[in-house]
Amino acid sequence: MSAILNLIWFLPILTVFVSLIIPRQQKQTLRMFHAISALANLVLCVFFTVKIYGLALSSGLPVGNALQLHYLTDVSWLPVLDIRFIIGADALSILMCVLAAIIVFTGILMSWEVERPKEFFALIQILGAGVFGVFLSFDLFLFMIFYEIEALAMYLMIAGWGTGRKDYSGKKLTLALALGSTFALIAVIAMYFEGGIGSWDIRKLADVHFSNGFQMWAFPFLFIGFAVSGSLFPFHNWSPDGHSSAPTAVSMFAAGVMMKMGCYGCLRIAMYLMPEGARFWLPYIVLLVLFNVVAAAFIAIKQRDLKYIIAYSSIAHLGLIFLGLCAANLISIKGASLQMLSHGFLTGMFFACVGMIYSRTHTRMVDEMGGLMKVIPLIGVAFVVAGFTGLGLPGLSGFAAELPVFMGSLRASSIAVQIVAVLAILSITTTAVYVLQATNKMLSGPLNPKFASLPKVSVPEKIVLGIYFICLFGMGLFPGWISRFLDTSLLPVFFNMSR
């Protein structure tokens, strides 16, 4: 079974190589081949989620700081550098793989009519392979190799298929991610030498007690380095411009998965391996989170471009993830992990709706729309549901994720975290303003005459919306099993933070 688990990251790469033999002119064959491959990977991720859930329940909660990994592959890869090929899965990593597989599959469906599909779909698969590798890697060097794949592929997709200032936006995104990766890589290499055990194995490094002096400088390098991908202030500027120029699938991928990859690194690597540095620095880092959860929402109110509205909304909601991490108790960390999943589904739905609207109206400016609910009601309903999820409406995934973040943050030992938590709760009102304002201008009122006969929703688009409806309502109505499942991944992190 460990070999089959490796298919999750290897299948996208294999798909790219096999697709090379398909003639460029056979666009329908290329579309179907990549869609079937992505669907197969989604099924594979769901299969392993069910299997690992059963194993986790039967084995009970972990004791101490040992990770409860399943279907482990651990072989020597580059012995001269002590690098091993360690691939495995636990609750958090496999759930993040399910999220990534959904984004990849729906992103392909949303790009059904894209130009140059051979190259575009190949790059989507490479992006998928990179994030799957990040979530499944438990050797630090291997983790960083997969982590570095994203920046170049994102630039190529934005510069090649984007709109507007696509070259500028692509370079800005790539340079920001490269800067963050550099910070993280410096700390990772330093950890290898400081650890003194000749290993990059995350499981072994968790037992190393790094000196306080080392953690004081290495933790902020590592945490902030990963947090750049999560749009933590003041490293957030790449996000709105990148989304505005990116094609729909890339916006879905960047907001839905790539940003969570940074949050995952903050939790799985920085906080788990350097707990003393986390206890010292997180009460200060939460002051940066204040911009994300408060100021970004006010900026979103002023935007008129749908992608900019959602981009700043994403920065605000990612702030809730960082708030949960900064509170550093089990409830808040669990809420942050649930928010990673919820926000991934939420932004996938949001950006898919924007792509559907733009392909029909050829505008993203809400002031130029009006009455669209009369002609594309399914897309309108989906946009409203995504908006209500962002507001944290009970019954949707946003409520199940945000509530433990707020509860855990209000119980934090740091007064600064508690203050930011209160301001974050109050900012929900601001979220309501920009969500309802955009929804009202776009969907309500008299119909713009030039939009009177928009194309109906296609079958691929219906599949995309159906998947996200299931995810948002499913997680919102039945969050208990995910919460219990995540305990098996988060307790070792919490133990290290508490010792």
Protein backbone atom coordinates (compact mmCIF):
# COMPACT_ATOMS: atom_id res chain seq x y z
CA MET A 1 0.00 0.00 0.00
CA SER A 2 2.93 2.37 0.58
CA ALA A 3 3.81 2.08 -3.11
CA ILE A 4 0.22 2.95 -4.05
CA LEU A 5 0.34 6.01 -1.78
CA ASN A 6 3.26 7.27 -3.88
CA LEU A 7 0.93 7.30 -6.88
CA ILE A 8 -0.71 10.42 -5.44
CA TRP A 9 2.33 12.55 -6.28
CA PHE A 10 3.69 10.38 -9.11
CA LEU A 11 0.50 10.00 -11.18
CA PRO A 12 0.42 13.69 -12.24
CA ILE A 13 4.05 13.43 -13.41
CA LEU A 14 3.32 10.20 -15.28
CA THR A 15 0.30 11.87 -16.87
CA VAL A 16 2.50 14.69 -18.18
CA PHE A 17 4.93 12.27 -19.84
CA VAL A 18 2.17 10.12 -21.36
CA SER A 19 0.39 13.23 -22.68
CA LEU A 20 3.50 14.08 -24.73
CA ILE A 21 2.60 11.37 -27.21
CA ILE A 22 -0.92 12.75 -27.77
CA PRO A 23 -0.93 15.02 -30.86
CA ARG A 24 -1.52 18.68 -30.11
CA GLN A 25 -4.45 18.74 -32.54
CA GLN A 26 -6.41 16.17 -30.53
CA LYS A 27 -7.62 18.70 -27.98
CA GLN A 28 -10.63 16.68 -26.83
CA THR A 29 -8.43 13.64 -26.18
CA LEU A 30 -6.01 15.77 -24.16
CA ARG A 31 -8.84 17.24 -22.10
CA MET A 32 -10.37 13.87 -21.34
CA PHE A 33 -7.01 12.25 -20.55
CA HIS A 34 -6.03 14.89 -18.02
CA ALA A 35 -9.51 15.03 -16.50
CA ILE A 36 -9.64 11.25 -16.05
CA SER A 37 -6.15 11.27 -14.52
CA ALA A 38 -7.09 14.04 -12.08
CA LEU A 39 -10.33 12.25 -11.18
CA ALA A 40 -8.42 9.01 -10.59
CA ASN A 41 -6.08 10.85 -8.25
CA LEU A 42 -9.02 12.35 -6.38
CA VAL A 43 -10.52 8.88 -5.95
CA LEU A 44 -7.12 7.65 -4.74
CA CYS A 45 -6.90 10.44 -2.15
CA VAL A 46 -10.43 9.72 -0.89
CA PHE A 47 -9.60 5.99 -0.70
CA PHE A 48 -6.55 6.63 1.47
CA THR A 49 -8.53 9.08 3.62
CA VAL A 50 -11.01 6.32 4.43
CA LYS A 51 -8.23 3.78 5.05
CA ILE A 52 -6.16 6.10 7.26
CA TYR A 53 -9.26 7.21 9.17
CA GLY A 54 -9.96 3.59 10.04
CA LEU A 55 -6.37 2.98 11.08
CA ALA A 56 -6.27 6.15 13.17
CA LEU A 57 -9.43 5.20 15.06
CA SER A 58 -8.21 1.66 15.72
CA SER A 59 -4.76 2.74 16.94
CA GLY A 60 -6.04 5.51 19.19
CA LEU A 61 -4.60 8.96 19.82
CA PRO A 62 -0.81 9.39 19.59
CA VAL A 63 1.27 9.60 22.75
CA GLY A 64 4.01 12.21 23.02
CA ASN A 65 5.40 13.96 19.96
CA ALA A 66 5.58 10.96 17.62
CA LEU A 67 3.76 11.42 14.32
CA GLN A 68 1.19 8.76 13.50
CA LEU A 69 2.21 8.05 9.91
CA HIS A 70 0.71 5.37 7.68
CA TYR A 71 1.83 3.61 4.48
CA LEU A 72 5.38 4.87 4.96
CA THR A 73 8.09 4.72 2.31
CA ASP A 74 11.54 5.30 3.84
CA VAL A 75 14.52 4.59 1.60
CA SER A 76 17.95 6.13 1.17
CA TRP A 77 18.01 8.62 -1.71
CA LEU A 78 21.18 10.74 -1.54
CA PRO A 79 23.29 9.12 1.19
CA VAL A 80 26.20 11.53 0.70
CA LEU A 81 23.90 14.31 1.99
CA ASP A 82 21.94 12.08 4.42
CA ILE A 83 18.78 12.66 2.36
CA ARG A 84 16.13 9.96 2.51
CA PHE A 85 12.98 9.54 0.44
CA ILE A 86 10.33 9.54 3.17
CA ILE A 87 6.73 9.57 2.00
CA GLY A 88 3.81 8.89 4.32
CA ALA A 89 0.43 10.20 5.36
CA ASP A 90 -1.48 11.12 8.46
CA ALA A 91 -4.82 12.86 8.97
CA LEU A 92 -3.70 16.40 8.15
CA SER A 93 -1.58 15.48 5.14
CA ILE A 94 -4.16 13.21 3.50
CA LEU A 95 -6.99 15.72 3.99
CA MET A 96 -4.83 18.40 2.38
CA CYS A 97 -4.20 15.99 -0.50
CA VAL A 98 -7.96 15.58 -0.95
CA LEU A 99 -8.30 19.37 -1.12
CA ALA A 100 -5.50 19.62 -3.67
CA ALA A 101 -6.96 16.81 -5.78
CA ILE A 102 -10.35 18.56 -5.85
CA ILE A 103 -8.75 21.85 -6.92
CA VAL A 104 -6.72 20.16 -9.68
CA PHE A 105 -9.72 18.24 -11.04
CA THR A 106 -12.10 21.20 -10.97
CA GLY A 107 -9.39 23.48 -12.35
CA ILE A 108 -9.07 21.22 -15.38
CA LEU A 109 -12.83 21.24 -15.88
CA MET A 110 -12.86 25.05 -15.65
CA SER A 111 -10.16 25.18 -18.36
CA TRP A 112 -11.99 22.95 -20.83
CA GLU A 113 -11.73 25.45 -23.68
CA VAL A 114 -8.29 26.86 -22.84
CA GLU A 115 -5.85 27.61 -25.64
CA ARG A 116 -2.81 25.33 -25.94
CA PRO A 117 -4.32 22.69 -23.63
CA LYS A 118 -1.33 20.38 -23.96
CA GLU A 119 1.02 22.77 -22.17
CA PHE A 120 -1.62 24.22 -19.82
CA PHE A 121 -2.83 20.91 -18.45
CA ALA A 122 0.74 19.64 -18.13
CA LEU A 123 1.62 22.62 -15.93
CA ILE A 124 -1.49 22.06 -13.78
CA GLN A 125 -0.40 18.48 -13.24
CA ILE A 126 3.12 19.62 -12.29
CA LEU A 127 1.63 22.05 -9.79
CA GLY A 128 -0.44 19.21 -8.39
CA ALA A 129 2.57 16.90 -8.10
CA GLY A 130 4.42 19.62 -6.18
CA VAL A 131 1.73 20.18 -3.55
CA PHE A 132 1.03 16.46 -3.16
CA GLY A 133 4.75 15.99 -2.53
CA VAL A 134 4.79 18.76 0.06
CA PHE A 135 1.90 17.27 2.00
CA LEU A 136 3.30 13.72 1.91
CA SER A 137 7.03 14.41 2.49
CA PHE A 138 8.58 13.82 5.91
CA ASP A 139 12.20 14.45 4.94
CA LEU A 140 12.93 18.18 5.20
CA PHE A 141 15.11 18.33 2.09
CA LEU A 142 12.56 16.39 0.03
CA PHE A 143 9.86 18.70 1.41
CA MET A 144 11.74 21.76 0.16
CA ILE A 145 12.31 20.22 -3.29
CA PHE A 146 8.57 19.75 -3.78
CA TYR A 147 7.92 23.18 -2.25
CA GLU A 148 10.17 24.91 -4.79
CA ILE A 149 8.34 23.45 -7.81
CA GLU A 150 5.41 25.82 -7.46
CA ALA A 151 6.93 29.24 -8.19
CA LEU A 152 8.24 28.56 -11.70
CA ALA A 153 5.13 26.69 -12.85
CA MET A 154 2.89 29.48 -11.53
CA TYR A 155 4.87 32.12 -13.43
CA LEU A 156 4.69 30.16 -16.69
CA MET A 157 0.92 29.76 -16.37
CA ILE A 158 0.24 33.40 -15.52
CA ALA A 159 2.62 34.78 -18.16
CA GLY A 160 1.39 32.34 -20.82
CA TRP A 161 -2.38 32.33 -20.24
CA GLY A 162 -3.08 35.33 -18.03
CA THR A 163 -4.66 38.70 -18.75
CA GLY A 164 -3.78 42.32 -18.04
CA ARG A 165 -0.31 42.91 -16.59
CA LYS A 166 0.36 39.20 -16.65
CA ASP A 167 4.15 39.35 -16.98
CA TYR A 168 4.45 41.84 -14.10
CA SER A 169 2.04 39.88 -11.91
CA GLY A 170 3.74 36.58 -12.67
CA LYS A 171 7.18 37.94 -11.83
CA LYS A 172 5.89 39.59 -8.65
CA LEU A 173 4.35 36.32 -7.48
CA THR A 174 7.43 34.29 -8.36
CA LEU A 175 9.88 36.66 -6.68
CA ALA A 176 7.77 36.83 -3.51
CA LEU A 177 7.53 33.04 -3.28
CA ALA A 178 11.24 32.68 -4.05
CA LEU A 179 12.08 35.14 -1.25
CA GLY A 180 9.99 33.18 1.22
CA SER A 181 11.51 29.89 0.10
CA THR A 182 15.00 31.34 0.58
CA PHE A 183 14.24 32.32 4.18
CA ALA A 184 12.82 28.89 4.90
CA LEU A 185 15.68 27.05 3.19
CA ILE A 186 18.30 28.95 5.23
CA ALA A 187 16.59 27.82 8.43
CA VAL A 188 16.13 24.24 7.18
CA ILE A 189 19.83 23.84 6.32
CA ALA A 190 20.81 25.39 9.66
CA MET A 191 18.52 22.91 11.45
CA TYR A 192 20.31 20.00 9.79
CA PHE A 193 23.71 21.12 11.07
CA GLU A 194 22.45 22.32 14.45
CA GLY A 195 20.59 19.06 15.05
CA GLY A 196 23.82 17.08 14.94
CA ILE A 197 22.11 13.78 14.13
CA GLY A 198 22.96 13.63 10.42
CA SER A 199 19.35 13.46 9.35
CA TRP A 200 16.67 15.54 7.62
CA ASP A 201 13.96 13.23 8.97
CA ILE A 202 11.20 15.36 10.52
CA ARG A 203 10.36 12.57 12.98
CA LYS A 204 13.92 12.47 14.32
CA LEU A 205 14.36 16.25 14.35
CA ALA A 206 11.25 16.52 16.55
CA ASP A 207 13.21 14.77 19.32
CA VAL A 208 16.14 17.19 19.04
CA HIS A 209 16.20 19.99 21.58
CA PHE A 210 17.52 22.94 19.59
CA SER A 211 19.16 25.61 21.73
CA ASN A 212 17.14 28.68 22.67
CA GLY A 213 19.58 30.94 20.86
CA PHE A 214 19.19 28.96 17.66
CA GLN A 215 15.40 28.90 17.84
CA MET A 216 15.23 32.65 18.50
CA TRP A 217 16.62 33.45 15.03
CA ALA A 218 15.71 30.30 13.07
CA PHE A 219 12.01 30.16 13.94
CA PRO A 220 11.09 33.57 12.43
CA PHE A 221 13.10 32.71 9.29
CA LEU A 222 11.21 29.45 8.95
CA PHE A 223 7.74 30.68 9.91
CA ILE A 224 7.84 33.91 7.91
CA GLY A 225 9.45 32.10 4.98
CA PHE A 226 6.47 29.76 4.76
CA ALA A 227 3.99 32.50 5.67
CA VAL A 228 4.90 34.45 2.51
CA SER A 229 2.95 31.81 0.56
CA GLY A 230 0.05 32.36 2.95
CA SER A 231 -0.03 36.13 2.27
CA LEU A 232 0.86 37.19 5.81
CA PHE A 233 1.31 40.97 6.07
CA PRO A 234 3.54 42.63 4.84
CA PHE A 235 4.25 39.89 2.27
CA HIS A 236 0.70 39.84 0.87
CA ASN A 237 1.02 42.16 -2.13
CA TRP A 238 1.77 39.39 -4.62
CA SER A 239 -1.67 37.87 -4.05
CA PRO A 240 -4.16 40.48 -5.43
CA ASP A 241 -2.08 41.22 -8.54
CA GLY A 242 -1.34 37.56 -9.12
CA HIS A 243 -5.03 36.60 -8.91
CA SER A 244 -6.13 39.48 -11.13
CA SER A 245 -3.91 38.36 -14.02
CA ALA A 246 -4.08 34.60 -13.53
CA PRO A 247 -6.38 32.31 -15.51
CA THR A 248 -9.27 30.85 -13.52
CA ALA A 249 -7.65 27.50 -12.75
CA VAL A 250 -4.47 29.17 -11.51
CA SER A 251 -6.44 31.51 -9.22
CA MET A 252 -8.29 28.48 -7.86
CA PHE A 253 -5.01 26.66 -7.30
CA ALA A 254 -3.11 29.59 -5.79
CA ALA A 255 -5.83 30.55 -3.30
CA GLY A 256 -7.18 27.05 -2.70
CA VAL A 257 -3.95 25.08 -2.26
CA MET A 258 -0.70 26.99 -2.65
CA MET A 259 -1.48 29.46 0.15
CA LYS A 260 -2.37 26.52 2.41
CA MET A 261 0.96 24.95 1.57
CA GLY A 262 2.65 27.85 3.37
CA CYS A 263 0.31 27.56 6.38
CA TYR A 264 0.98 23.81 6.46
CA GLY A 265 4.72 24.48 6.56
CA CYS A 266 4.29 26.92 9.44
CA LEU A 267 2.44 24.28 11.46
CA ARG A 268 4.12 21.05 10.41
CA ILE A 269 7.72 22.32 10.30
CA ALA A 270 8.20 25.61 12.17
CA MET A 271 5.91 25.11 15.17
CA TYR A 272 6.47 21.36 15.48
CA LEU A 273 10.25 21.40 15.33
CA MET A 274 10.99 24.69 17.14
CA PRO A 275 8.40 25.00 19.91
CA GLU A 276 10.39 27.37 22.13
CA GLY A 277 10.90 29.77 19.26
CA ALA A 278 7.17 29.53 18.56
CA ARG A 279 6.22 30.33 22.15
CA PHE A 280 8.45 33.41 22.09
CA TRP A 281 7.65 34.80 18.63
CA LEU A 282 3.99 33.97 17.98
CA PRO A 283 2.61 36.66 20.36
CA TYR A 284 4.54 39.20 18.24
CA ILE A 285 3.69 37.66 14.87
CA VAL A 286 0.00 37.98 15.74
CA LEU A 287 0.43 41.77 15.40
CA LEU A 288 1.08 41.19 11.68
CA VAL A 289 -2.09 39.09 11.56
CA LEU A 290 -4.01 42.19 12.64
CA PHE A 291 -3.68 43.60 9.11
CA ASN A 292 -4.91 40.38 7.54
CA VAL A 293 -8.06 40.02 9.63
CA VAL A 294 -9.03 43.69 9.83
CA ALA A 295 -7.42 45.94 7.22
CA ALA A 296 -7.74 43.49 4.30
CA ALA A 297 -11.50 43.33 4.80
CA PHE A 298 -11.78 47.14 4.61
CA ILE A 299 -9.65 47.16 1.45
CA ALA A 300 -11.97 44.56 -0.08
CA ILE A 301 -14.93 46.93 0.39
CA LYS A 302 -13.28 49.49 -1.92
CA GLN A 303 -12.61 47.03 -4.74
CA ARG A 304 -14.81 46.74 -7.82
CA ASP A 305 -12.96 43.92 -9.62
CA LEU A 306 -14.37 40.57 -8.48
CA LYS A 307 -10.93 38.96 -8.39
CA TYR A 308 -9.51 41.74 -6.24
CA ILE A 309 -12.48 41.44 -3.87
CA ILE A 310 -11.92 37.71 -3.46
CA ALA A 311 -8.15 38.13 -3.24
CA TYR A 312 -8.41 40.53 -0.30
CA SER A 313 -11.12 38.34 1.19
CA SER A 314 -8.66 35.45 1.01
CA ILE A 315 -5.98 37.49 2.77
CA ALA A 316 -8.48 38.17 5.56
CA HIS A 317 -9.52 34.54 5.89
CA LEU A 318 -5.93 33.32 5.80
CA GLY A 319 -5.37 35.70 8.69
CA LEU A 320 -7.74 33.50 10.69
CA ILE A 321 -5.47 30.52 10.01
CA PHE A 322 -2.47 32.45 11.33
CA LEU A 323 -4.53 33.68 14.28
CA GLY A 324 -5.30 30.07 15.21
CA LEU A 325 -1.63 29.13 14.90
CA CYS A 326 -0.52 32.11 17.01
CA ALA A 327 -2.95 31.18 19.80
CA ALA A 328 -1.06 27.86 19.90
CA ASN A 329 -3.56 25.76 21.87
CA LEU A 330 -5.18 22.57 20.64
CA ILE A 331 -8.57 24.13 19.89
CA SER A 332 -7.11 27.04 17.91
CA ILE A 333 -4.66 24.85 15.98
CA LYS A 334 -7.52 22.51 15.10
CA GLY A 335 -9.57 25.51 13.95
CA ALA A 336 -6.64 26.71 11.81
CA SER A 337 -6.41 23.27 10.19
CA LEU A 338 -10.16 23.19 9.52
CA GLN A 339 -9.90 26.71 8.08
CA MET A 340 -7.22 25.50 5.65
CA LEU A 341 -9.72 23.01 4.27
CA SER A 342 -12.75 25.29 4.39
CA HIS A 343 -11.01 28.23 2.75
CA GLY A 344 -9.66 25.94 0.03
CA PHE A 345 -13.19 24.85 -0.87
CA LEU A 346 -14.50 28.40 -0.48
CA THR A 347 -11.97 30.04 -2.82
CA GLY A 348 -12.26 27.18 -5.28
CA MET A 349 -15.99 27.92 -5.55
CA PHE A 350 -15.49 31.71 -5.59
CA PHE A 351 -12.90 31.79 -8.35
CA ALA A 352 -14.77 29.17 -10.38
CA CYS A 353 -17.87 31.41 -10.26
CA VAL A 354 -15.81 34.43 -11.30
CA GLY A 355 -14.38 32.46 -14.21
CA MET A 356 -17.86 31.41 -15.33
CA ILE A 357 -19.16 34.97 -15.09
CA TYR A 358 -16.17 36.48 -16.91
CA SER A 359 -16.36 33.94 -19.75
CA ARG A 360 -19.94 35.11 -20.36
CA THR A 361 -19.87 38.84 -19.62
CA HIS A 362 -16.20 39.57 -20.43
CA THR A 363 -15.99 41.83 -17.39
CA ARG A 364 -15.14 41.40 -13.73
CA MET A 365 -16.32 44.85 -12.66
CA VAL A 366 -19.37 44.56 -10.43
CA ASP A 367 -20.53 48.08 -11.40
CA GLU A 368 -20.94 46.90 -15.01
CA MET A 369 -23.16 43.98 -14.06
CA GLY A 370 -26.65 43.70 -12.64
CA GLY A 371 -29.53 41.24 -12.60
CA LEU A 372 -27.37 38.23 -13.47
CA MET A 373 -29.42 36.00 -11.18
CA LYS A 374 -32.16 36.15 -13.81
CA VAL A 375 -30.03 34.58 -16.55
CA ILE A 376 -27.44 32.43 -14.72
CA PRO A 377 -29.23 31.49 -11.46
CA LEU A 378 -27.08 28.44 -10.66
CA ILE A 379 -23.86 30.48 -10.77
CA GLY A 380 -25.56 33.20 -8.74
CA VAL A 381 -26.64 30.75 -6.05
CA ALA A 382 -23.14 29.27 -5.93
CA PHE A 383 -21.62 32.74 -5.47
CA VAL A 384 -24.06 33.50 -2.66
CA VAL A 385 -23.30 30.18 -0.93
CA ALA A 386 -19.58 30.90 -1.15
CA GLY A 387 -20.20 34.36 0.30
CA PHE A 388 -22.25 32.96 3.18
CA THR A 389 -19.47 30.45 3.85
CA GLY A 390 -17.03 33.34 4.16
CA LEU A 391 -19.40 34.99 6.63
CA GLY A 392 -19.35 31.86 8.78
CA LEU A 393 -23.03 31.01 8.39
CA PRO A 394 -23.98 27.89 10.45
CA GLY A 395 -24.39 24.79 8.31
CA LEU A 396 -21.48 25.73 6.03
CA SER A 397 -17.80 24.90 6.41
CA GLY A 398 -16.81 28.44 7.40
CA PHE A 399 -18.72 28.22 10.66
CA ALA A 400 -17.19 24.84 11.57
CA ALA A 401 -13.70 26.24 10.96
CA GLU A 402 -13.93 29.78 12.33
CA LEU A 403 -15.68 28.94 15.61
CA PRO A 404 -12.78 26.87 17.07
CA VAL A 405 -10.29 29.51 15.84
CA PHE A 406 -12.15 32.21 17.80
CA MET A 407 -12.75 30.00 20.85
CA GLY A 408 -9.14 28.89 21.02
CA SER A 409 -7.78 32.40 20.43
CA LEU A 410 -9.92 33.91 23.19
CA ARG A 411 -8.45 31.30 25.54
CA ALA A 412 -4.85 32.06 24.52
CA SER A 413 -2.33 33.01 27.19
CA SER A 414 -1.23 36.06 25.19
CA ILE A 415 -3.25 39.26 25.67
CA ALA A 416 -2.22 40.36 22.16
CA VAL A 417 -3.75 37.21 20.65
CA GLN A 418 -6.98 37.79 22.59
CA ILE A 419 -7.22 41.39 21.38
CA VAL A 420 -6.66 40.38 17.76
CA ALA A 421 -9.27 37.64 18.19
CA VAL A 422 -11.86 40.17 19.38
CA LEU A 423 -11.07 42.47 16.44
CA ALA A 424 -11.29 39.50 14.06
CA ILE A 425 -14.75 38.64 15.38
CA LEU A 426 -15.87 42.25 14.94
CA SER A 427 -14.47 42.27 11.38
CA ILE A 428 -17.11 39.71 10.38
CA THR A 429 -19.39 42.73 9.98
CA THR A 430 -16.95 44.17 7.46
CA THR A 431 -16.92 40.85 5.63
CA ALA A 432 -20.70 41.02 5.39
CA VAL A 433 -20.44 44.48 3.81
CA TYR A 434 -18.19 43.56 0.89
CA VAL A 435 -19.83 40.17 0.28
CA LEU A 436 -23.38 41.56 0.24
CA GLN A 437 -22.32 44.68 -1.66
CA ALA A 438 -20.73 42.66 -4.48
CA THR A 439 -23.58 40.15 -4.52
CA ASN A 440 -26.24 42.87 -4.68
CA LYS A 441 -24.59 44.84 -7.50
CA MET A 442 -23.83 41.75 -9.56
CA LEU A 443 -26.91 39.60 -9.13
CA SER A 444 -29.78 41.91 -8.15
CA GLY A 445 -31.54 44.83 -9.75
CA PRO A 446 -32.43 45.35 -13.42
CA LEU A 447 -30.69 43.14 -15.94
CA ASN A 448 -28.09 44.82 -18.14
CA PRO A 449 -29.56 44.42 -21.67
CA LYS A 450 -26.28 43.17 -23.17
CA PHE A 451 -26.37 40.23 -20.75
CA ALA A 452 -29.90 39.17 -21.61
CA SER A 453 -28.91 35.97 -23.45
CA LEU A 454 -25.87 34.55 -21.69
CA PRO A 455 -24.88 30.92 -22.38
CA LYS A 456 -26.31 28.32 -20.02
CA VAL A 457 -24.16 26.51 -17.50
CA SER A 458 -22.22 23.69 -19.18
CA VAL A 459 -21.91 20.12 -17.91
CA PRO A 460 -18.28 20.56 -16.72
CA GLU A 461 -19.31 23.72 -14.87
CA LYS A 462 -22.23 21.92 -13.21
CA ILE A 463 -19.85 19.19 -12.04
CA VAL A 464 -17.49 21.81 -10.58
CA LEU A 465 -20.26 23.59 -8.67
CA GLY A 466 -21.74 20.28 -7.51
CA ILE A 467 -18.41 19.18 -6.02
CA TYR A 468 -17.98 22.42 -4.08
CA PHE A 469 -21.59 22.38 -2.87
CA ILE A 470 -20.94 18.91 -1.42
CA CYS A 471 -17.68 20.04 0.21
CA LEU A 472 -19.02 23.26 1.76
CA PHE A 473 -22.25 21.76 3.09
CA GLY A 474 -20.70 18.39 3.92
CA MET A 475 -17.98 19.88 6.08
CA GLY A 476 -20.41 22.37 7.59
CA LEU A 477 -23.05 19.81 8.55
CA PHE A 478 -20.72 16.92 9.51
CA PRO A 479 -17.50 18.43 10.89
CA GLY A 480 -17.16 16.02 13.81
CA TRP A 481 -15.34 13.20 12.04
CA ILE A 482 -12.81 15.63 10.51
CA SER A 483 -12.20 17.20 13.92
CA ARG A 484 -11.59 13.83 15.57
CA PHE A 485 -9.43 12.70 12.68
CA LEU A 486 -7.23 15.81 12.90
CA ASP A 487 -6.49 15.10 16.57
CA THR A 488 -4.21 12.27 15.48
CA SER A 489 -2.04 14.79 13.58
CA LEU A 490 -2.24 17.81 15.85
CA LEU A 491 -1.64 16.25 19.27
CA PRO A 492 2.09 15.64 18.56
CA VAL A 493 2.47 19.31 17.56
CA PHE A 494 0.61 20.44 20.68
CA PHE A 495 2.70 18.13 22.87
CA ASN A 496 5.93 19.63 21.53
CA MET A 497 4.54 23.14 22.03
CA SER A 498 3.57 22.35 25.64
CA ARG A 499 6.62 20.48 26.89
